[in-house]
Amino acid sequence: MKVKVKLYTILKKYAQGKVWEDNSIVLNRDTTLQELTNYLAIPSNIGLIFLVNNTPQDKEYKLCDGDEVKIFSLICGG
């Protein structure tokens, strides 16, 4: 399935080489947000906020074809 993934702030570097230029990525059917973060190699000690289709979701949410995922870190700095 194909989903859009947008990473913000300190997370942007984890998209390199894994998320295409149009922010899309191909994943197995029923991939969870936790499995997506594992695939992207985002360290588990970083607190994350997930929005799927602009709705907050927890890490066990199963993605569907065409979903748009935004991932933010809890500590952004300034």
C-alpha atoms as a PDB file:
ATOM      1  CA  MET A   1       0.000   0.000   0.000  1.00  0.00           C
ATOM      2  CA  LYS A   2       1.119   3.573  -0.574  1.00  0.00           C
ATOM      3  CA  VAL A   3       0.930   6.277   2.117  1.00  0.00           C
ATOM      4  CA  LYS A   4       2.249   9.826   2.453  1.00  0.00           C
ATOM      5  CA  VAL A   5       4.678  10.434   5.331  1.00  0.00           C
ATOM      6  CA  LYS A   6       5.810  13.866   6.484  1.00  0.00           C
ATOM      7  CA  LEU A   7       8.413  14.142   9.247  1.00  0.00           C
ATOM      8  CA  TYR A   8       8.982  17.413  11.086  1.00  0.00           C
ATOM      9  CA  THR A   9      11.847  19.098  12.972  1.00  0.00           C
ATOM     10  CA  ILE A  10      14.587  16.724  14.157  1.00  0.00           C
ATOM     11  CA  LEU A  11      12.796  13.772  12.532  1.00  0.00           C
ATOM     12  CA  LYS A  12      13.349  14.888   8.911  1.00  0.00           C
ATOM     13  CA  LYS A  13      16.686  13.078   8.703  1.00  0.00           C
ATOM     14  CA  TYR A  14      14.978   9.690   9.196  1.00  0.00           C
ATOM     15  CA  ALA A  15      13.130  10.046   5.876  1.00  0.00           C
ATOM     16  CA  GLN A  16      16.316  10.165   3.811  1.00  0.00           C
ATOM     17  CA  GLY A  17      16.524   7.243   1.430  1.00  0.00           C
ATOM     18  CA  LYS A  18      13.241   5.751   2.665  1.00  0.00           C
ATOM     19  CA  VAL A  19      10.565   8.302   1.769  1.00  0.00           C
ATOM     20  CA  TRP A  20      10.297   9.454  -1.838  1.00  0.00           C
ATOM     21  CA  GLU A  21      10.504  13.111  -2.866  1.00  0.00           C
ATOM     22  CA  ASP A  22       6.697  13.345  -3.033  1.00  0.00           C
ATOM     23  CA  ASN A  23       6.567  12.157   0.635  1.00  0.00           C
ATOM     24  CA  SER A  24       5.180   8.756  -0.342  1.00  0.00           C
ATOM     25  CA  ILE A  25       6.304   5.364   0.846  1.00  0.00           C
ATOM     26  CA  VAL A  26       5.187   1.816   0.039  1.00  0.00           C
ATOM     27  CA  LEU A  27       4.435  -0.380   3.054  1.00  0.00           C
ATOM     28  CA  ASN A  28       2.921  -3.773   3.744  1.00  0.00           C
ATOM     29  CA  ARG A  29      -0.831  -3.861   4.286  1.00  0.00           C
ATOM     30  CA  ASP A  30      -1.932  -3.146   7.900  1.00  0.00           C
ATOM     31  CA  THR A  31       1.429  -1.662   8.915  1.00  0.00           C
ATOM     32  CA  THR A  32       1.090   0.100  12.282  1.00  0.00           C
ATOM     33  CA  LEU A  33       2.539   3.485  13.105  1.00  0.00           C
ATOM     34  CA  GLN A  34       4.989   1.718  15.442  1.00  0.00           C
ATOM     35  CA  GLU A  35       6.149  -0.514  12.584  1.00  0.00           C
ATOM     36  CA  LEU A  36       6.542   2.583  10.392  1.00  0.00           C
ATOM     37  CA  THR A  37       8.775   4.267  12.990  1.00  0.00           C
ATOM     38  CA  ASN A  38      10.804   1.052  13.294  1.00  0.00           C
ATOM     39  CA  TYR A  39      11.250   0.963   9.506  1.00  0.00           C
ATOM     40  CA  LEU A  40      12.359   4.611   9.525  1.00  0.00           C
ATOM     41  CA  ALA A  41      14.796   3.789  12.383  1.00  0.00           C
ATOM     42  CA  ILE A  42      13.449   6.541  14.638  1.00  0.00           C
ATOM     43  CA  PRO A  43      14.888   5.861  18.116  1.00  0.00           C
ATOM     44  CA  SER A  44      12.315   4.608  20.621  1.00  0.00           C
ATOM     45  CA  ASN A  45      13.417   7.179  23.214  1.00  0.00           C
ATOM     46  CA  ILE A  46      12.061  10.080  21.126  1.00  0.00           C
ATOM     47  CA  GLY A  47       8.507  11.013  22.125  1.00  0.00           C
ATOM     48  CA  LEU A  48       6.288  11.169  19.052  1.00  0.00           C
ATOM     49  CA  ILE A  49       2.928  12.595  18.073  1.00  0.00           C
ATOM     50  CA  PHE A  50       1.134  11.007  15.116  1.00  0.00           C
ATOM     51  CA  LEU A  51      -1.533  12.601  12.953  1.00  0.00           C
ATOM     52  CA  VAL A  52      -3.173  10.385  10.349  1.00  0.00           C
ATOM     53  CA  ASN A  53      -5.382  12.298   7.946  1.00  0.00           C
ATOM     54  CA  ASN A  54      -5.099  15.195  10.449  1.00  0.00           C
ATOM     55  CA  THR A  55      -6.501  13.090  13.317  1.00  0.00           C
ATOM     56  CA  PRO A  56      -4.332  12.119  16.328  1.00  0.00           C
ATOM     57  CA  GLN A  57      -3.622   8.376  16.485  1.00  0.00           C
ATOM     58  CA  ASP A  58      -1.649   6.089  18.803  1.00  0.00           C
ATOM     59  CA  LYS A  59       1.279   3.935  17.693  1.00  0.00           C
ATOM     60  CA  GLU A  60      -0.911   0.822  17.294  1.00  0.00           C
ATOM     61  CA  TYR A  61      -3.042   2.433  14.576  1.00  0.00           C
ATOM     62  CA  LYS A  62      -3.047   0.339  11.377  1.00  0.00           C
ATOM     63  CA  LEU A  63      -2.412   2.370   8.266  1.00  0.00           C
ATOM     64  CA  CYS A  64      -4.579   2.143   5.153  1.00  0.00           C
ATOM     65  CA  ASP A  65      -3.752   2.768   1.520  1.00  0.00           C
ATOM     66  CA  GLY A  66      -3.778   6.509   0.816  1.00  0.00           C
ATOM     67  CA  ASP A  67      -3.355   7.643   4.446  1.00  0.00           C
ATOM     68  CA  GLU A  68      -1.421  10.838   5.092  1.00  0.00           C
ATOM     69  CA  VAL A  69       0.839  10.576   8.149  1.00  0.00           C
ATOM     70  CA  LYS A  70       2.502  13.481   9.957  1.00  0.00           C
ATOM     71  CA  ILE A  71       5.006  12.691  12.702  1.00  0.00           C
ATOM     72  CA  PHE A  72       6.216  15.287  15.199  1.00  0.00           C
ATOM     73  CA  SER A  73       8.692  14.982  18.058  1.00  0.00           C
ATOM     74  CA  LEU A  74       7.562  16.146  21.490  1.00  0.00           C
ATOM     75  CA  ILE A  75      10.726  18.208  21.989  1.00  0.00           C
ATOM     76  CA  CYS A  76      11.243  20.633  19.117  1.00  0.00           C
ATOM     77  CA  GLY A  77      13.540  23.274  20.574  1.00  0.00           C
ATOM     78  CA  GLY A  78      13.614  26.875  19.521  1.00  0.00           C
END
